Amino acid sequence: MPTHIWLGDRDSFVPRAMGEYLQRAIPHVDLHWAHGKGHFNIEDWDAILAACALDIGKRRGG
């Protein structure tokens, strides 16, 4: 199952160490660091949705 995690390096809710832990713990995870962003990173929605759409297309054979 494709897994993407998007974390802002200025996130005050989810510490960087948790992102690094999840990167080690989840096989084949794509961890995306959003530089200068906090917890609610709406500026990167286009990239987030594009990554999801690409994975859905791969699963459907497209």
Protein backbone atom coordinates (compact mmCIF):
# COMPACT_ATOMS: atom_id res chain seq x y z
CA MET A 1 0.00 0.00 0.00
CA PRO A 2 1.55 3.33 -1.00
CA THR A 3 2.06 5.58 1.99
CA HIS A 4 2.87 9.28 1.87
CA ILE A 5 3.57 11.36 4.93
CA TRP A 6 3.76 15.13 4.58
CA LEU A 7 5.30 16.99 7.49
CA GLY A 8 6.20 20.61 7.89
CA ASP A 9 9.56 21.29 9.46
CA ARG A 10 7.86 24.00 11.56
CA ASP A 11 5.08 21.67 12.78
CA SER A 12 4.44 22.23 16.48
CA PHE A 13 2.09 19.21 16.82
CA VAL A 14 4.05 16.38 15.19
CA PRO A 15 7.76 16.49 16.02
CA ARG A 16 10.40 15.82 13.39
CA ALA A 17 11.52 12.75 15.35
CA MET A 18 8.08 11.18 14.81
CA GLY A 19 8.35 11.67 11.06
CA GLU A 20 11.79 10.08 11.09
CA TYR A 21 10.47 7.17 13.18
CA LEU A 22 7.57 6.59 10.77
CA GLN A 23 9.99 6.70 7.85
CA ARG A 24 11.94 3.83 9.41
CA ALA A 25 8.86 1.90 10.58
CA ILE A 26 6.69 1.91 7.43
CA PRO A 27 8.06 -0.02 4.44
CA HIS A 28 8.33 2.00 1.22
CA VAL A 29 6.96 5.19 2.80
CA ASP A 30 7.44 8.46 0.96
CA LEU A 31 8.20 11.09 3.58
CA HIS A 32 7.84 14.61 2.24
CA TRP A 33 9.34 17.45 4.29
CA ALA A 34 7.65 20.77 3.66
CA HIS A 35 10.26 23.38 4.48
CA GLY A 36 8.98 26.40 6.35
CA LYS A 37 5.52 24.87 6.81
CA GLY A 38 3.57 24.03 9.93
CA HIS A 39 0.95 21.41 10.75
CA PHE A 40 -1.85 22.64 8.47
CA ASN A 41 -0.02 22.94 5.18
CA ILE A 42 -2.68 23.88 2.65
CA GLU A 43 -0.14 25.45 0.30
CA ASP A 44 1.07 22.00 -0.84
CA TRP A 45 -2.36 20.48 -1.48
CA ASP A 46 -1.75 20.31 -5.24
CA ALA A 47 1.40 18.23 -4.74
CA ILE A 48 -0.24 16.07 -2.08
CA LEU A 49 -3.26 15.29 -4.26
CA ALA A 50 -1.06 14.70 -7.32
CA ALA A 51 0.99 12.11 -5.40
CA CYS A 52 -2.22 10.35 -4.31
CA ALA A 53 -3.66 10.41 -7.83
CA LEU A 54 -0.45 8.95 -9.25
CA ASP A 55 -0.56 6.06 -6.77
CA ILE A 56 -4.25 5.42 -7.47
CA GLY A 57 -3.49 5.33 -11.19
CA LYS A 58 -0.69 2.81 -10.64
CA ARG A 59 -3.00 0.57 -8.60
CA ARG A 60 -5.60 0.65 -11.37
CA GLY A 61 -3.01 -0.27 -13.98
CA GLY A 62 -2.73 3.18 -15.51
